[in-house]
Each structure stands twice: as structure tokens, then as C-alpha cells.
Protein backbone atom coordinates (compact mmCIF):
# COMPACT_ATOMS: atom_id res chain seq x y z
CA MET A 1 94.40 106.36 48.28
CA PRO A 2 97.96 105.59 49.53
CA LYS A 3 98.60 102.47 51.58
CA GLN A 4 98.73 102.91 55.33
CA LYS A 5 102.24 102.57 56.76
CA ILE A 6 102.17 100.03 59.58
CA THR A 7 104.63 100.86 62.37
CA LYS A 8 105.95 98.72 65.18
CA GLU A 9 104.04 100.91 67.63
CA MET A 10 100.81 100.20 65.74
CA VAL A 11 101.54 96.47 65.90
CA VAL A 12 102.18 96.59 69.66
CA ASP A 13 99.10 98.78 70.21
CA ALA A 14 96.91 96.37 68.25
CA ALA A 15 98.39 93.36 70.08
CA PHE A 16 97.81 95.05 73.45
CA GLU A 17 94.18 95.86 72.57
CA LEU A 18 93.65 92.23 71.49
CA ALA A 19 95.17 90.99 74.75
CA ARG A 20 93.16 93.50 76.77
CA ARG A 21 89.89 92.54 75.14
CA ASP A 22 90.34 88.80 74.50
CA GLY A 23 93.39 87.62 76.45
CA MET A 24 97.05 87.08 75.59
CA GLU A 25 96.29 83.77 73.88
CA GLN A 26 94.60 85.78 71.08
CA VAL A 27 97.79 87.69 70.29
CA MET A 28 98.52 85.96 67.00
CA VAL A 29 99.80 87.42 63.75
CA LYS A 30 96.56 86.81 61.85
CA ASN A 31 94.50 88.49 64.59
CA ILE A 32 96.82 91.49 64.74
CA ALA A 33 96.67 91.84 60.96
CA GLN A 34 92.88 91.70 61.11
CA GLU A 35 92.88 94.33 63.87
CA LEU A 36 95.08 96.60 61.72
CA ASN A 37 93.20 95.75 58.53
CA CYS A 38 96.41 94.74 56.76
CA SER A 39 98.20 91.65 55.57
CA VAL A 40 100.38 89.59 57.89
CA GLN A 41 103.58 90.77 56.12
CA PRO A 42 104.01 94.04 58.10
CA ILE A 43 103.48 92.15 61.35
CA TYR A 44 106.20 89.64 60.47
CA SER A 45 108.56 92.46 59.49
CA TYR A 46 108.42 93.88 63.05
CA CYS A 47 108.05 90.66 64.98
CA LYS A 48 110.93 88.31 64.54
CA ASN A 49 109.17 86.05 67.03
CA MET A 50 106.00 86.13 69.08
CA ASP A 51 107.87 85.97 72.39
CA GLY A 52 109.32 89.43 71.74
CA LEU A 53 105.92 90.83 70.85
CA ARG A 54 104.37 89.25 73.95
CA ARG A 55 107.10 90.87 76.07
CA ASP A 56 106.20 94.23 74.50
CA VAL A 57 102.53 93.59 75.29
CA ALA A 58 103.42 92.66 78.89
CA GLU A 59 105.42 95.88 79.23
CA ARG A 60 102.45 97.84 77.88
CA ALA A 61 100.22 96.04 80.41
CA ASN A 62 102.65 96.96 83.21
CA ARG A 63 102.50 100.62 82.16
CA PHE A 64 98.70 100.43 82.00
CA VAL A 65 98.55 98.96 85.53
CA ARG A 66 100.91 101.60 86.96
CA GLU A 67 98.84 104.40 85.41
CA TYR A 68 95.55 102.82 86.50
CA VAL A 69 96.69 102.41 90.10
CA ALA A 70 98.27 105.88 90.23
CA GLY A 71 94.99 107.38 89.04
CA SER A 72 92.97 105.41 91.60
CA VAL A 73 94.80 105.94 94.86
CA SER A 74 93.81 108.39 97.53
CA SER A 75 96.66 110.27 99.16
CA GLY A 76 94.73 110.27 102.46
CA ASP A 77 94.41 106.48 102.44
CA LEU A 78 97.32 105.41 100.26
CA PHE A 79 97.75 101.84 101.50
CA ARG A 80 94.10 100.73 101.46
CA SER A 81 93.26 102.58 98.24
CA THR A 82 96.24 100.99 96.46
CA GLY A 83 95.08 97.48 97.39
CA GLN A 84 91.54 98.30 96.36
CA ALA A 85 92.77 99.75 93.06
CA TYR A 86 94.41 96.42 92.20
CA VAL A 87 91.19 94.58 93.01
CA ARG A 88 89.11 96.98 90.88
CA LEU A 89 91.62 96.52 88.08
CA ALA A 90 91.17 92.74 88.33
CA LYS A 91 87.42 93.22 87.92
CA GLU A 92 87.45 95.90 85.22
CA GLU A 93 90.44 94.68 83.20
CA PRO A 94 90.78 90.96 83.97
CA HIS A 95 92.96 90.17 80.95
CA VAL A 96 95.36 93.05 81.68
CA PHE A 97 95.49 92.00 85.33
CA ARG A 98 96.37 88.42 84.37
CA ILE A 99 99.07 89.61 81.94
CA PHE A 100 100.50 91.82 84.69
CA ILE A 101 100.47 89.03 87.28
CA LEU A 102 101.51 86.14 85.06
CA HIS A 103 104.25 87.71 82.92
CA GLN A 104 107.73 86.23 83.29
CA ARG A 105 109.86 88.00 85.87
CA ASP A 106 113.55 87.37 85.36
CA ASP A 107 116.23 87.56 88.03
CA ILE A 108 113.84 87.04 90.96
CA SER A 109 114.93 84.43 93.46
CA SER A 110 113.18 85.63 96.61
CA LEU A 111 110.10 87.47 97.75
CA GLU A 112 112.38 90.28 98.91
CA GLU A 113 113.71 90.70 95.35
CA LEU A 114 110.17 90.69 94.01
CA TYR A 115 109.20 93.29 96.60
CA GLN A 116 112.17 95.50 95.69
CA LYS A 117 111.45 95.37 91.96
CA GLU A 118 107.66 95.56 91.98
CA THR A 119 106.61 97.96 94.74
CA ASN A 120 106.60 101.64 95.42
CA PRO A 121 109.09 102.14 98.29
CA HIS A 122 107.21 105.25 99.43
CA LEU A 123 104.18 103.16 100.30
CA ALA A 124 106.00 101.30 103.11
CA GLU A 125 107.52 104.59 104.34
CA SER A 126 104.09 106.20 104.42
CA LEU A 127 102.63 103.17 106.16
CA ALA A 128 105.37 103.22 108.82
CA GLN A 129 104.64 106.87 109.59
CA GLU A 130 100.86 106.42 109.54
CA LEU A 131 100.87 103.40 111.86
CA ARG A 132 103.88 104.51 113.94
CA ILE A 133 105.72 101.26 113.28
CA SER A 134 109.26 100.61 112.16
CA PRO A 135 110.11 100.67 108.45
CA SER A 136 110.90 96.93 108.58
CA GLN A 137 107.50 96.18 110.13
CA ALA A 138 105.82 98.33 107.48
CA ARG A 139 107.66 96.47 104.71
CA GLN A 140 106.61 93.13 106.22
CA LEU A 141 102.96 94.25 106.41
CA HIS A 142 103.13 95.63 102.88
CA MET A 143 104.61 92.40 101.51
CA HIS A 144 101.95 90.29 103.22
CA MET A 145 99.20 92.49 101.79
CA LEU A 146 100.84 92.48 98.36
CA ILE A 147 100.85 88.68 98.28
CA TYR A 148 97.29 88.52 99.60
CA THR A 149 95.99 91.13 97.15
CA ILE A 150 97.62 89.39 94.17
CA GLY A 151 95.98 86.13 95.22
CA ILE A 152 92.52 87.51 95.84
CA GLY A 153 92.76 89.72 92.74
CA THR A 154 93.61 86.66 90.65
CA ILE A 155 90.60 84.81 92.04
CA PHE A 156 88.46 87.88 91.38
CA SER A 157 89.68 88.12 87.76
CA VAL A 158 88.74 84.52 86.89
CA THR A 159 85.33 84.16 88.54
CA THR A 160 82.05 84.45 86.69
CA PRO A 161 79.69 86.20 87.17
CA GLY A 162 82.05 87.59 89.78
CA ILE A 163 82.36 88.01 93.51
CA PRO A 164 80.97 91.37 94.71
CA ALA A 165 83.75 93.93 95.19
CA GLU A 166 82.50 94.72 98.68
CA GLU A 167 83.05 91.09 99.69
CA ILE A 168 86.61 91.26 98.34
CA PHE A 169 87.28 94.59 100.08
CA SER A 170 85.93 93.15 103.33
CA GLN A 171 88.31 90.19 103.00
CA GLN A 172 91.19 92.56 102.28
CA GLN A 173 90.36 94.54 105.43
CA ALA A 174 90.23 91.35 107.53
CA ALA A 175 93.58 90.23 106.10
CA TYR A 176 95.06 93.66 106.81
CA GLU A 177 93.92 93.55 110.42
CA ALA A 178 95.31 90.02 110.89
CA PHE A 179 98.63 90.88 109.24
CA LEU A 180 98.91 94.11 111.24
CA LYS A 181 98.31 92.21 114.50
CA GLN A 182 100.93 89.63 113.50
CA THR A 183 103.38 92.41 112.59
CA LEU A 184 102.87 94.23 115.89
CA ASP A 185 103.20 90.99 117.88
CA SER A 186 106.51 90.03 116.24
């Protein structure tokens, strides 16, 4: 039987699956080789250093998160369902959620820059129309909820046996109402 040709894509896939299942700290050459049932040599041939491979895994995690959220949102309740999708992701895929949240973000020096690079601009537009508020108010509300959801999702992803999702969703709703009131009052 001929030897299996190990490709860079196979290495990244195996590293992502390791990170997804066991956490990024388990993305090590020996573990990837074991996952691929090969020697460490093919892994070293594609990975000049582990930082590059971890960046590839983080990018794969980002793609996974975008696809997960896109498949979970309801067009009739875009804002709420997006926030809830991130919380469900934190529960169902805690390692992927942590990779997504904790990966290095370069060239970010303000929350506004983070907002510009990380969010769907149509969400704030939709929110402005739905609530009959200005686009700047919608962006402010969206940013507040983004920060809140990241925080509560992070808590959710590291608790055992876990906080009930309904409790988290209730907290999200209370935060939304408080942020909306603050936005309308400003």
C-alpha cells in the first residue's frame, strides 16, 4: 500500500480538530502527527514554526464561527438571534469560542476599530430601521451588546457544569433593555 501524502491542509485540519476537541494548548507537532497517523516529519515540513500554524488554526476557527452564526440567525430577529448564536457557540464549542475570542488581533487600537473589523455592518443598519433610531445609536447599542455578549459568552464557555442557557439569554435580554434605554436617553 502506498504511503499517504500529507498536505498542509491536512495538517491544519488535524490541528483545528485537536484545538476544537481539546483546546489550542494541545496543538503540538506530536499530537498532530498522532491525529494524522504519521511521523512528525511531514508536520515540520509544513510548519516552520508553531505560531504560523496556530494563526492558521485561529483563521479556521474564525471561519467556523462565521458559518455557525450565519446558520443560526433568524432574519426576523437578527439582532437577538445573533447574540444568542454566540452564546450557544460558547456552550457547544467552548474551545473554538475561546480561540475566536482570544486570538491576537493586530492593528486594533480602539473599540471602534475592533467594531469595524469584527462586525457585520448590516446588523446595525437593520437594528436602526427596526428600532427607528439613528445609525449612530444603533452602532452604539450594537457595540455595547457585542462587548457584553463576548464577556458573558466567555464566562459561559469556562464554567462547569455550566450555567443554563436560559439564564444567560435572560441576562442578555436585561442588558439589551438597559443598553437600549441608555442609548435612547443619550
